[in-house]
Amino acid sequence: MALLEWKDEYLLGMNELDFEHRDLFDCVNEICEQCSHKADFETVAVCLGRLHARLAAHFALEENTMREMKNPHYTVHKAEHDRFLDEVTGIVADFKEDFTYEDVDNFAHLVQAWIVGHITTYDRQLVEHGH
């Protein structure tokens, strides 16, 4: 079973952002899938790198969208992106060959909780302030 199940309540009605949110769900689920199959270090490292890259690209798109919309929550929203990306960057940078699947699973759960919470709070503000 996938860790992240997509629900229509996560839709913002902004196609690019909705597509990228689904892609982030897929990245987290891929990490969990590889761990459930006891994938090797390189495979898990590639999955973690992909998630990190997709988060960075998604945050850049979302922040650009907010600037274009002159969203009043931009500064706080961007700060939350920066804080979380720094946390993910540190975890990915510290990933070593002696990793445990439990550590990777805990990381996936951390990302899962953050993504769902972020979409349903911060990102919901994008819709509330028009697009």
C-alpha atoms as a PDB file:
ATOM      1  CA  MET A   1       0.000   0.000   0.000  1.00  0.00           C
ATOM      2  CA  ALA A   2       1.241   3.466  -0.868  1.00  0.00           C
ATOM      3  CA  LEU A   3       2.172   5.791   1.970  1.00  0.00           C
ATOM      4  CA  LEU A   4       0.602   8.761   0.200  1.00  0.00           C
ATOM      5  CA  GLU A   5      -2.836   8.305  -1.302  1.00  0.00           C
ATOM      6  CA  TRP A   6      -3.992  11.138  -3.564  1.00  0.00           C
ATOM      7  CA  LYS A   7      -7.367  12.636  -2.642  1.00  0.00           C
ATOM      8  CA  ASP A   8      -9.341  15.178  -4.597  1.00  0.00           C
ATOM      9  CA  GLU A   9      -9.387  17.403  -1.513  1.00  0.00           C
ATOM     10  CA  TYR A  10      -5.705  18.110  -2.295  1.00  0.00           C
ATOM     11  CA  LEU A  11      -6.574  19.634  -5.672  1.00  0.00           C
ATOM     12  CA  LEU A  12      -5.979  23.363  -5.850  1.00  0.00           C
ATOM     13  CA  GLY A  13      -7.443  23.821  -9.322  1.00  0.00           C
ATOM     14  CA  MET A  14      -4.061  25.016 -10.554  1.00  0.00           C
ATOM     15  CA  ASN A  15      -3.012  22.345 -13.039  1.00  0.00           C
ATOM     16  CA  GLU A  16       0.785  22.751 -12.857  1.00  0.00           C
ATOM     17  CA  LEU A  17       0.826  22.731  -9.072  1.00  0.00           C
ATOM     18  CA  ASP A  18      -1.648  19.852  -8.818  1.00  0.00           C
ATOM     19  CA  PHE A  19       0.478  17.816 -11.258  1.00  0.00           C
ATOM     20  CA  GLU A  20       3.615  18.489  -9.254  1.00  0.00           C
ATOM     21  CA  HIS A  21       1.927  17.640  -5.965  1.00  0.00           C
ATOM     22  CA  ARG A  22       0.944  14.259  -7.417  1.00  0.00           C
ATOM     23  CA  ASP A  23       4.517  13.805  -8.629  1.00  0.00           C
ATOM     24  CA  LEU A  24       5.808  14.451  -5.101  1.00  0.00           C
ATOM     25  CA  PHE A  25       3.396  11.806  -3.808  1.00  0.00           C
ATOM     26  CA  ASP A  26       4.830   9.400  -6.401  1.00  0.00           C
ATOM     27  CA  CYS A  27       8.403  10.189  -5.288  1.00  0.00           C
ATOM     28  CA  VAL A  28       7.617   9.450  -1.632  1.00  0.00           C
ATOM     29  CA  ASN A  29       5.765   6.269  -2.570  1.00  0.00           C
ATOM     30  CA  GLU A  30       8.711   5.137  -4.711  1.00  0.00           C
ATOM     31  CA  ILE A  31      11.049   5.538  -1.736  1.00  0.00           C
ATOM     32  CA  CYS A  32       8.733   3.387   0.385  1.00  0.00           C
ATOM     33  CA  GLU A  33       8.400   0.821  -2.393  1.00  0.00           C
ATOM     34  CA  GLN A  34      12.177   0.506  -2.783  1.00  0.00           C
ATOM     35  CA  CYS A  35      12.606   0.097   0.959  1.00  0.00           C
ATOM     36  CA  SER A  36       9.910  -2.583   1.119  1.00  0.00           C
ATOM     37  CA  HIS A  37      11.931  -4.522  -1.477  1.00  0.00           C
ATOM     38  CA  LYS A  38      15.159  -3.909   0.471  1.00  0.00           C
ATOM     39  CA  ALA A  39      16.706  -2.045  -2.453  1.00  0.00           C
ATOM     40  CA  ASP A  40      20.412  -1.359  -2.420  1.00  0.00           C
ATOM     41  CA  PHE A  41      22.054   1.903  -1.373  1.00  0.00           C
ATOM     42  CA  GLU A  42      22.370   3.305  -4.912  1.00  0.00           C
ATOM     43  CA  THR A  43      18.702   2.705  -5.734  1.00  0.00           C
ATOM     44  CA  VAL A  44      17.481   4.361  -2.539  1.00  0.00           C
ATOM     45  CA  ALA A  45      19.968   7.220  -2.982  1.00  0.00           C
ATOM     46  CA  VAL A  46      18.617   7.880  -6.498  1.00  0.00           C
ATOM     47  CA  CYS A  47      15.050   7.982  -5.132  1.00  0.00           C
ATOM     48  CA  LEU A  48      16.062  10.408  -2.378  1.00  0.00           C
ATOM     49  CA  GLY A  49      17.894  12.603  -4.890  1.00  0.00           C
ATOM     50  CA  ARG A  50      14.880  12.637  -7.184  1.00  0.00           C
ATOM     51  CA  LEU A  51      12.600  13.691  -4.317  1.00  0.00           C
ATOM     52  CA  HIS A  52      15.009  16.453  -3.318  1.00  0.00           C
ATOM     53  CA  ALA A  53      15.229  17.750  -6.900  1.00  0.00           C
ATOM     54  CA  ARG A  54      11.450  17.610  -7.378  1.00  0.00           C
ATOM     55  CA  LEU A  55      10.859  19.476  -4.110  1.00  0.00           C
ATOM     56  CA  ALA A  56      13.301  22.222  -5.097  1.00  0.00           C
ATOM     57  CA  ALA A  57      11.756  22.587  -8.562  1.00  0.00           C
ATOM     58  CA  HIS A  58       8.218  22.535  -7.192  1.00  0.00           C
ATOM     59  CA  PHE A  59       8.976  25.169  -4.580  1.00  0.00           C
ATOM     60  CA  ALA A  60      10.495  27.413  -7.258  1.00  0.00           C
ATOM     61  CA  LEU A  61       7.371  27.079  -9.433  1.00  0.00           C
ATOM     62  CA  GLU A  62       5.039  27.679  -6.517  1.00  0.00           C
ATOM     63  CA  GLU A  63       6.994  30.725  -5.360  1.00  0.00           C
ATOM     64  CA  ASN A  64       7.005  32.165  -8.877  1.00  0.00           C
ATOM     65  CA  THR A  65       3.236  31.637  -9.057  1.00  0.00           C
ATOM     66  CA  MET A  66       2.802  33.433  -5.740  1.00  0.00           C
ATOM     67  CA  ARG A  67       4.930  36.381  -6.917  1.00  0.00           C
ATOM     68  CA  GLU A  68       2.910  36.659 -10.128  1.00  0.00           C
ATOM     69  CA  MET A  69      -0.320  36.609  -8.090  1.00  0.00           C
ATOM     70  CA  LYS A  70       1.110  39.138  -5.629  1.00  0.00           C
ATOM     71  CA  ASN A  71       0.082  36.715  -2.904  1.00  0.00           C
ATOM     72  CA  PRO A  72       0.194  38.408   0.519  1.00  0.00           C
ATOM     73  CA  HIS A  73       1.445  35.190   2.168  1.00  0.00           C
ATOM     74  CA  TYR A  74       4.517  34.884  -0.076  1.00  0.00           C
ATOM     75  CA  THR A  75       7.168  35.673   2.552  1.00  0.00           C
ATOM     76  CA  VAL A  76       5.831  33.236   5.163  1.00  0.00           C
ATOM     77  CA  HIS A  77       5.125  30.556   2.552  1.00  0.00           C
ATOM     78  CA  LYS A  78       8.631  30.844   1.046  1.00  0.00           C
ATOM     79  CA  ALA A  79      10.198  30.695   4.506  1.00  0.00           C
ATOM     80  CA  GLU A  80       8.369  27.408   5.128  1.00  0.00           C
ATOM     81  CA  HIS A  81       9.652  26.050   1.798  1.00  0.00           C
ATOM     82  CA  ASP A  82      13.203  27.133   2.639  1.00  0.00           C
ATOM     83  CA  ARG A  83      13.066  25.596   6.110  1.00  0.00           C
ATOM     84  CA  PHE A  84      11.779  22.251   4.858  1.00  0.00           C
ATOM     85  CA  LEU A  85      14.116  22.103   1.859  1.00  0.00           C
ATOM     86  CA  ASP A  86      17.069  22.769   4.181  1.00  0.00           C
ATOM     87  CA  GLU A  87      15.921  19.887   6.386  1.00  0.00           C
ATOM     88  CA  VAL A  88      15.552  17.532   3.404  1.00  0.00           C
ATOM     89  CA  THR A  89      18.900  18.664   1.971  1.00  0.00           C
ATOM     90  CA  GLY A  90      20.617  17.792   5.243  1.00  0.00           C
ATOM     91  CA  ILE A  91      19.034  14.353   5.426  1.00  0.00           C
ATOM     92  CA  VAL A  92      19.843  13.532   1.799  1.00  0.00           C
ATOM     93  CA  ALA A  93      23.403  14.853   2.120  1.00  0.00           C
ATOM     94  CA  ASP A  94      23.975  12.691   5.213  1.00  0.00           C
ATOM     95  CA  PHE A  95      22.625   9.522   3.546  1.00  0.00           C
ATOM     96  CA  LYS A  96      25.302   6.840   3.835  1.00  0.00           C
ATOM     97  CA  GLU A  97      25.763   3.242   2.761  1.00  0.00           C
ATOM     98  CA  ASP A  98      25.164   2.044   6.313  1.00  0.00           C
ATOM     99  CA  PHE A  99      21.600   3.416   6.200  1.00  0.00           C
ATOM    100  CA  THR A 100      18.702   1.544   7.753  1.00  0.00           C
ATOM    101  CA  TYR A 101      15.392   1.024   6.027  1.00  0.00           C
ATOM    102  CA  GLU A 102      13.737   2.238   9.221  1.00  0.00           C
ATOM    103  CA  ASP A 103      15.533   5.589   8.913  1.00  0.00           C
ATOM    104  CA  VAL A 104      14.438   5.957   5.292  1.00  0.00           C
ATOM    105  CA  ASP A 105      10.880   4.979   6.205  1.00  0.00           C
ATOM    106  CA  ASN A 106      10.874   7.578   8.997  1.00  0.00           C
ATOM    107  CA  PHE A 107      12.095  10.172   6.490  1.00  0.00           C
ATOM    108  CA  ALA A 108       9.310   9.208   4.054  1.00  0.00           C
ATOM    109  CA  HIS A 109       6.746   9.623   6.839  1.00  0.00           C
ATOM    110  CA  LEU A 110       8.214  13.030   7.732  1.00  0.00           C
ATOM    111  CA  VAL A 111       7.888  14.158   4.106  1.00  0.00           C
ATOM    112  CA  GLN A 112       4.400  12.658   3.833  1.00  0.00           C
ATOM    113  CA  ALA A 113       3.157  14.557   6.881  1.00  0.00           C
ATOM    114  CA  TRP A 114       4.763  17.792   5.705  1.00  0.00           C
ATOM    115  CA  ILE A 115       3.406  17.584   2.152  1.00  0.00           C
ATOM    116  CA  VAL A 116      -0.170  16.855   3.236  1.00  0.00           C
ATOM    117  CA  GLY A 117      -0.060  19.538   5.920  1.00  0.00           C
ATOM    118  CA  HIS A 118       1.461  22.073   3.542  1.00  0.00           C
ATOM    119  CA  ILE A 119      -1.027  21.452   0.731  1.00  0.00           C
ATOM    120  CA  THR A 120      -4.006  21.691   3.066  1.00  0.00           C
ATOM    121  CA  THR A 121      -2.844  24.892   4.777  1.00  0.00           C
ATOM    122  CA  TYR A 122      -0.268  27.048   2.993  1.00  0.00           C
ATOM    123  CA  ASP A 123      -1.134  25.970  -0.543  1.00  0.00           C
ATOM    124  CA  ARG A 124      -4.862  26.250   0.119  1.00  0.00           C
ATOM    125  CA  GLN A 125      -4.217  29.989   0.641  1.00  0.00           C
ATOM    126  CA  LEU A 126      -3.268  30.226  -3.045  1.00  0.00           C
ATOM    127  CA  VAL A 127      -6.814  29.277  -3.988  1.00  0.00           C
ATOM    128  CA  GLU A 128      -8.384  31.481  -1.334  1.00  0.00           C
ATOM    129  CA  HIS A 129      -6.586  34.531  -2.695  1.00  0.00           C
ATOM    130  CA  GLY A 130      -7.515  33.849  -6.294  1.00  0.00           C
ATOM    131  CA  HIS A 131      -5.546  32.481  -9.170  1.00  0.00           C
END
